[in-house]
PDB file of N, CA and C in Angstrom:
ATOM      1  N   MET A   1     -63.672 -13.200   0.285  1.00  0.00           N
ATOM      2  CA  MET A   1     -62.735 -14.183  -0.257  1.00  0.00           C
ATOM      3  C   MET A   1     -62.744 -15.447   0.604  1.00  0.00           C
ATOM      4  N   ALA A   2     -62.601 -16.562  -0.030  1.00  0.00           N
ATOM      5  CA  ALA A   2     -62.583 -17.823   0.698  1.00  0.00           C
ATOM      6  C   ALA A   2     -61.167 -18.145   1.150  1.00  0.00           C
ATOM      7  N   VAL A   3     -61.069 -18.642   2.363  1.00  0.00           N
ATOM      8  CA  VAL A   3     -59.771 -19.044   2.901  1.00  0.00           C
ATOM      9  C   VAL A   3     -59.697 -20.561   2.823  1.00  0.00           C
ATOM     10  N   LYS A   4     -58.650 -21.082   2.191  1.00  0.00           N
ATOM     11  CA  LYS A   4     -58.558 -22.526   1.976  1.00  0.00           C
ATOM     12  C   LYS A   4     -57.868 -23.253   3.126  1.00  0.00           C
ATOM     13  N   ASN A   5     -57.050 -22.579   3.888  1.00  0.00           N
ATOM     14  CA  ASN A   5     -56.252 -23.241   4.915  1.00  0.00           C
ATOM     15  C   ASN A   5     -56.873 -23.083   6.300  1.00  0.00           C
ATOM     16  N   LYS A   6     -58.157 -23.434   6.437  1.00  0.00           N
ATOM     17  CA  LYS A   6     -58.802 -23.389   7.743  1.00  0.00           C
ATOM     18  C   LYS A   6     -58.534 -24.688   8.477  1.00  0.00           C
ATOM     19  N   LYS A   7     -58.265 -24.569   9.782  1.00  0.00           N
ATOM     20  CA  LYS A   7     -58.086 -25.768  10.583  1.00  0.00           C
ATOM     21  C   LYS A   7     -59.471 -26.301  10.963  1.00  0.00           C
ATOM     22  N   PRO A   8     -59.635 -27.611  11.008  1.00  0.00           N
ATOM     23  CA  PRO A   8     -60.942 -28.155  11.398  1.00  0.00           C
ATOM     24  C   PRO A   8     -61.254 -27.836  12.856  1.00  0.00           C
ATOM     25  N   ILE A   9     -62.509 -27.515  13.113  1.00  0.00           N
ATOM     26  CA  ILE A   9     -62.939 -27.202  14.478  1.00  0.00           C
ATOM     27  C   ILE A   9     -63.185 -28.519  15.206  1.00  0.00           C
ATOM     28  N   LYS A  10     -62.572 -28.632  16.386  1.00  0.00           N
ATOM     29  CA  LYS A  10     -62.727 -29.861  17.165  1.00  0.00           C
ATOM     30  C   LYS A  10     -64.079 -29.865  17.854  1.00  0.00           C
ATOM     31  N   ALA A  11     -64.589 -31.064  18.096  1.00  0.00           N
ATOM     32  CA  ALA A  11     -65.868 -31.207  18.791  1.00  0.00           C
ATOM     33  C   ALA A  11     -65.722 -30.758  20.243  1.00  0.00           C
ATOM     34  N   ALA A  12     -66.820 -30.329  20.835  1.00  0.00           N
ATOM     35  CA  ALA A  12     -66.786 -29.797  22.202  1.00  0.00           C
ATOM     36  C   ALA A  12     -66.387 -30.880  23.200  1.00  0.00           C
ATOM     37  N   ASP A  13     -66.939 -32.102  23.027  1.00  0.00           N
ATOM     38  CA  ASP A  13     -66.583 -33.165  23.967  1.00  0.00           C
ATOM     39  C   ASP A  13     -65.604 -34.128  23.295  1.00  0.00           C
ATOM     40  N   ALA A  14     -64.369 -33.692  23.203  1.00  0.00           N
ATOM     41  CA  ALA A  14     -63.310 -34.528  22.661  1.00  0.00           C
ATOM     42  C   ALA A  14     -62.541 -35.205  23.798  1.00  0.00           C
ATOM     43  N   LYS A  15     -63.200 -35.348  24.963  1.00  0.00           N
ATOM     44  CA  LYS A  15     -62.569 -35.983  26.114  1.00  0.00           C
ATOM     45  C   LYS A  15     -62.478 -37.487  25.881  1.00  0.00           C
ATOM     46  N   PRO A  16     -61.519 -38.117  26.488  1.00  0.00           N
ATOM     47  CA  PRO A  16     -61.466 -39.589  26.410  1.00  0.00           C
ATOM     48  C   PRO A  16     -62.695 -40.209  27.073  1.00  0.00           C
ATOM     49  N   ALA A  17     -63.046 -41.394  26.630  1.00  0.00           N
ATOM     50  CA  ALA A  17     -64.242 -42.054  27.138  1.00  0.00           C
ATOM     51  C   ALA A  17     -64.130 -42.351  28.629  1.00  0.00           C
ATOM     52  N   ALA A  18     -62.938 -42.687  29.107  1.00  0.00           N
ATOM     53  CA  ALA A  18     -62.758 -43.007  30.522  1.00  0.00           C
ATOM     54  C   ALA A  18     -62.987 -41.773  31.390  1.00  0.00           C
ATOM     55  N   GLN A  19     -62.521 -40.636  30.944  1.00  0.00           N
ATOM     56  CA  GLN A  19     -62.704 -39.403  31.715  1.00  0.00           C
ATOM     57  C   GLN A  19     -64.185 -39.015  31.737  1.00  0.00           C
ATOM     58  N   ASN A  20     -64.861 -39.189  30.615  1.00  0.00           N
ATOM     59  CA  ASN A  20     -66.289 -38.891  30.543  1.00  0.00           C
ATOM     60  C   ASN A  20     -67.066 -39.821  31.465  1.00  0.00           C
ATOM     61  N   ARG A  21     -66.708 -41.086  31.482  1.00  0.00           N
ATOM     62  CA  ARG A  21     -67.375 -42.067  32.338  1.00  0.00           C
ATOM     63  C   ARG A  21     -67.151 -41.731  33.807  1.00  0.00           C
ATOM     64  N   ALA A  22     -65.934 -41.326  34.169  1.00  0.00           N
ATOM     65  CA  ALA A  22     -65.645 -40.965  35.551  1.00  0.00           C
ATOM     66  C   ALA A  22     -66.453 -39.748  35.969  1.00  0.00           C
ATOM     67  N   ALA A  23     -66.608 -38.792  35.081  1.00  0.00           N
ATOM     68  CA  ALA A  23     -67.404 -37.604  35.393  1.00  0.00           C
ATOM     69  C   ALA A  23     -68.866 -37.985  35.602  1.00  0.00           C
ATOM     70  N   GLN A  24     -69.382 -38.907  34.809  1.00  0.00           N
ATOM     71  CA  GLN A  24     -70.765 -39.352  34.975  1.00  0.00           C
ATOM     72  C   GLN A  24     -70.955 -40.056  36.314  1.00  0.00           C
ATOM     73  N   ILE A  25     -69.992 -40.871  36.705  1.00  0.00           N
ATOM     74  CA  ILE A  25     -70.092 -41.593  37.980  1.00  0.00           C
ATOM     75  C   ILE A  25     -70.044 -40.614  39.147  1.00  0.00           C
ATOM     76  N   MET A  26     -69.150 -39.631  39.067  1.00  0.00           N
ATOM     77  CA  MET A  26     -69.057 -38.631  40.134  1.00  0.00           C
ATOM     78  C   MET A  26     -70.361 -37.844  40.241  1.00  0.00           C
ATOM     79  N   PHE A  27     -70.950 -37.476  39.103  1.00  0.00           N
ATOM     80  CA  PHE A  27     -72.218 -36.746  39.117  1.00  0.00           C
ATOM     81  C   PHE A  27     -73.329 -37.596  39.714  1.00  0.00           C
ATOM     82  N   ALA A  28     -73.360 -38.882  39.386  1.00  0.00           N
ATOM     83  CA  ALA A  28     -74.387 -39.776  39.916  1.00  0.00           C
ATOM     84  C   ALA A  28     -74.261 -39.905  41.436  1.00  0.00           C
ATOM     85  N   ILE A  29     -73.040 -40.030  41.932  1.00  0.00           N
ATOM     86  CA  ILE A  29     -72.815 -40.127  43.376  1.00  0.00           C
ATOM     87  C   ILE A  29     -73.266 -38.847  44.067  1.00  0.00           C
ATOM     88  N   PHE A  30     -72.915 -37.700  43.484  1.00  0.00           N
ATOM     89  CA  PHE A  30     -73.322 -36.415  44.046  1.00  0.00           C
ATOM     90  C   PHE A  30     -74.843 -36.288  44.075  1.00  0.00           C
ATOM     91  N   ALA A  31     -75.503 -36.713  43.008  1.00  0.00           N
ATOM     92  CA  ALA A  31     -76.959 -36.632  42.942  1.00  0.00           C
ATOM     93  C   ALA A  31     -77.607 -37.523  43.998  1.00  0.00           C
ATOM     94  N   VAL A  32     -77.099 -38.725  44.176  1.00  0.00           N
ATOM     95  CA  VAL A  32     -77.663 -39.640  45.180  1.00  0.00           C
ATOM     96  C   VAL A  32     -77.479 -39.067  46.576  1.00  0.00           C
ATOM     97  N   ILE A  33     -76.308 -38.515  46.871  1.00  0.00           N
ATOM     98  CA  ILE A  33     -76.073 -37.919  48.196  1.00  0.00           C
ATOM     99  C   ILE A  33     -77.017 -36.741  48.421  1.00  0.00           C
ATOM    100  N   LEU A  34     -77.211 -35.924  47.400  1.00  0.00           N
ATOM    101  CA  LEU A  34     -78.110 -34.773  47.513  1.00  0.00           C
ATOM    102  C   LEU A  34     -79.544 -35.221  47.769  1.00  0.00           C
ATOM    103  N   ILE A  35     -80.004 -36.228  47.051  1.00  0.00           N
ATOM    104  CA  ILE A  35     -81.368 -36.731  47.233  1.00  0.00           C
ATOM    105  C   ILE A  35     -81.535 -37.342  48.619  1.00  0.00           C
ATOM    106  N   LEU A  36     -80.571 -38.135  49.063  1.00  0.00           N
ATOM    107  CA  LEU A  36     -80.656 -38.725  50.395  1.00  0.00           C
ATOM    108  C   LEU A  36     -80.669 -37.650  51.476  1.00  0.00           C
ATOM    109  N   SER A  37     -79.905 -36.600  51.268  1.00  0.00           N
ATOM    110  CA  SER A  37     -79.883 -35.495  52.221  1.00  0.00           C
ATOM    111  C   SER A  37     -81.250 -34.827  52.316  1.00  0.00           C
ATOM    112  N   MET A  38     -81.875 -34.597  51.177  1.00  0.00           N
ATOM    113  CA  MET A  38     -83.204 -33.960  51.183  1.00  0.00           C
ATOM    114  C   MET A  38     -84.248 -34.877  51.829  1.00  0.00           C
ATOM    115  N   VAL A  39     -84.197 -36.175  51.545  1.00  0.00           N
ATOM    116  CA  VAL A  39     -85.145 -37.120  52.137  1.00  0.00           C
ATOM    117  C   VAL A  39     -84.946 -37.180  53.647  1.00  0.00           C
ATOM    118  N   LEU A  40     -83.715 -37.238  54.090  1.00  0.00           N
ATOM    119  CA  LEU A  40     -83.426 -37.293  55.525  1.00  0.00           C
ATOM    120  C   LEU A  40     -83.911 -36.033  56.232  1.00  0.00           C
ATOM    121  N   SER A  41     -83.713 -34.892  55.587  1.00  0.00           N
ATOM    122  CA  SER A  41     -84.165 -33.628  56.158  1.00  0.00           C
ATOM    123  C   SER A  41     -85.691 -33.596  56.248  1.00  0.00           C
ATOM    124  N   ALA A  42     -86.373 -34.098  55.231  1.00  0.00           N
ATOM    125  CA  ALA A  42     -87.831 -34.123  55.253  1.00  0.00           C
ATOM    126  C   ALA A  42     -88.351 -35.050  56.342  1.00  0.00           C
ATOM    127  N   VAL A  43     -87.704 -36.203  56.512  1.00  0.00           N
ATOM    128  CA  VAL A  43     -88.127 -37.161  57.536  1.00  0.00           C
ATOM    129  C   VAL A  43     -87.867 -36.588  58.930  1.00  0.00           C
ATOM    130  N   ALA A  44     -86.753 -35.897  59.112  1.00  0.00           N
ATOM    131  CA  ALA A  44     -86.416 -35.342  60.416  1.00  0.00           C
ATOM    132  C   ALA A  44     -87.375 -34.216  60.802  1.00  0.00           C
ATOM    133  N   ASN A  45     -87.866 -33.458  59.804  1.00  0.00           N
ATOM    134  CA  ASN A  45     -88.777 -32.348  60.097  1.00  0.00           C
ATOM    135  C   ASN A  45     -90.236 -32.795  60.198  1.00  0.00           C
ATOM    136  N   TYR A  46     -90.521 -34.028  59.848  1.00  0.00           N
ATOM    137  CA  TYR A  46     -91.893 -34.526  59.890  1.00  0.00           C
ATOM    138  C   TYR A  46     -92.177 -35.074  61.232  1.00  0.00           C
TER     139      TYR A  46
END
């Protein structure tokens, strides 16, 4: 039987744009720190 009163399913990323942008910036900063750490470690061991 079909149910007529289904609630619409919300999208997975229904976050506000500002929160999404802040998360992207935090991830970018973390990635840069991680890469710099690996480069520094490689230079120190060379």
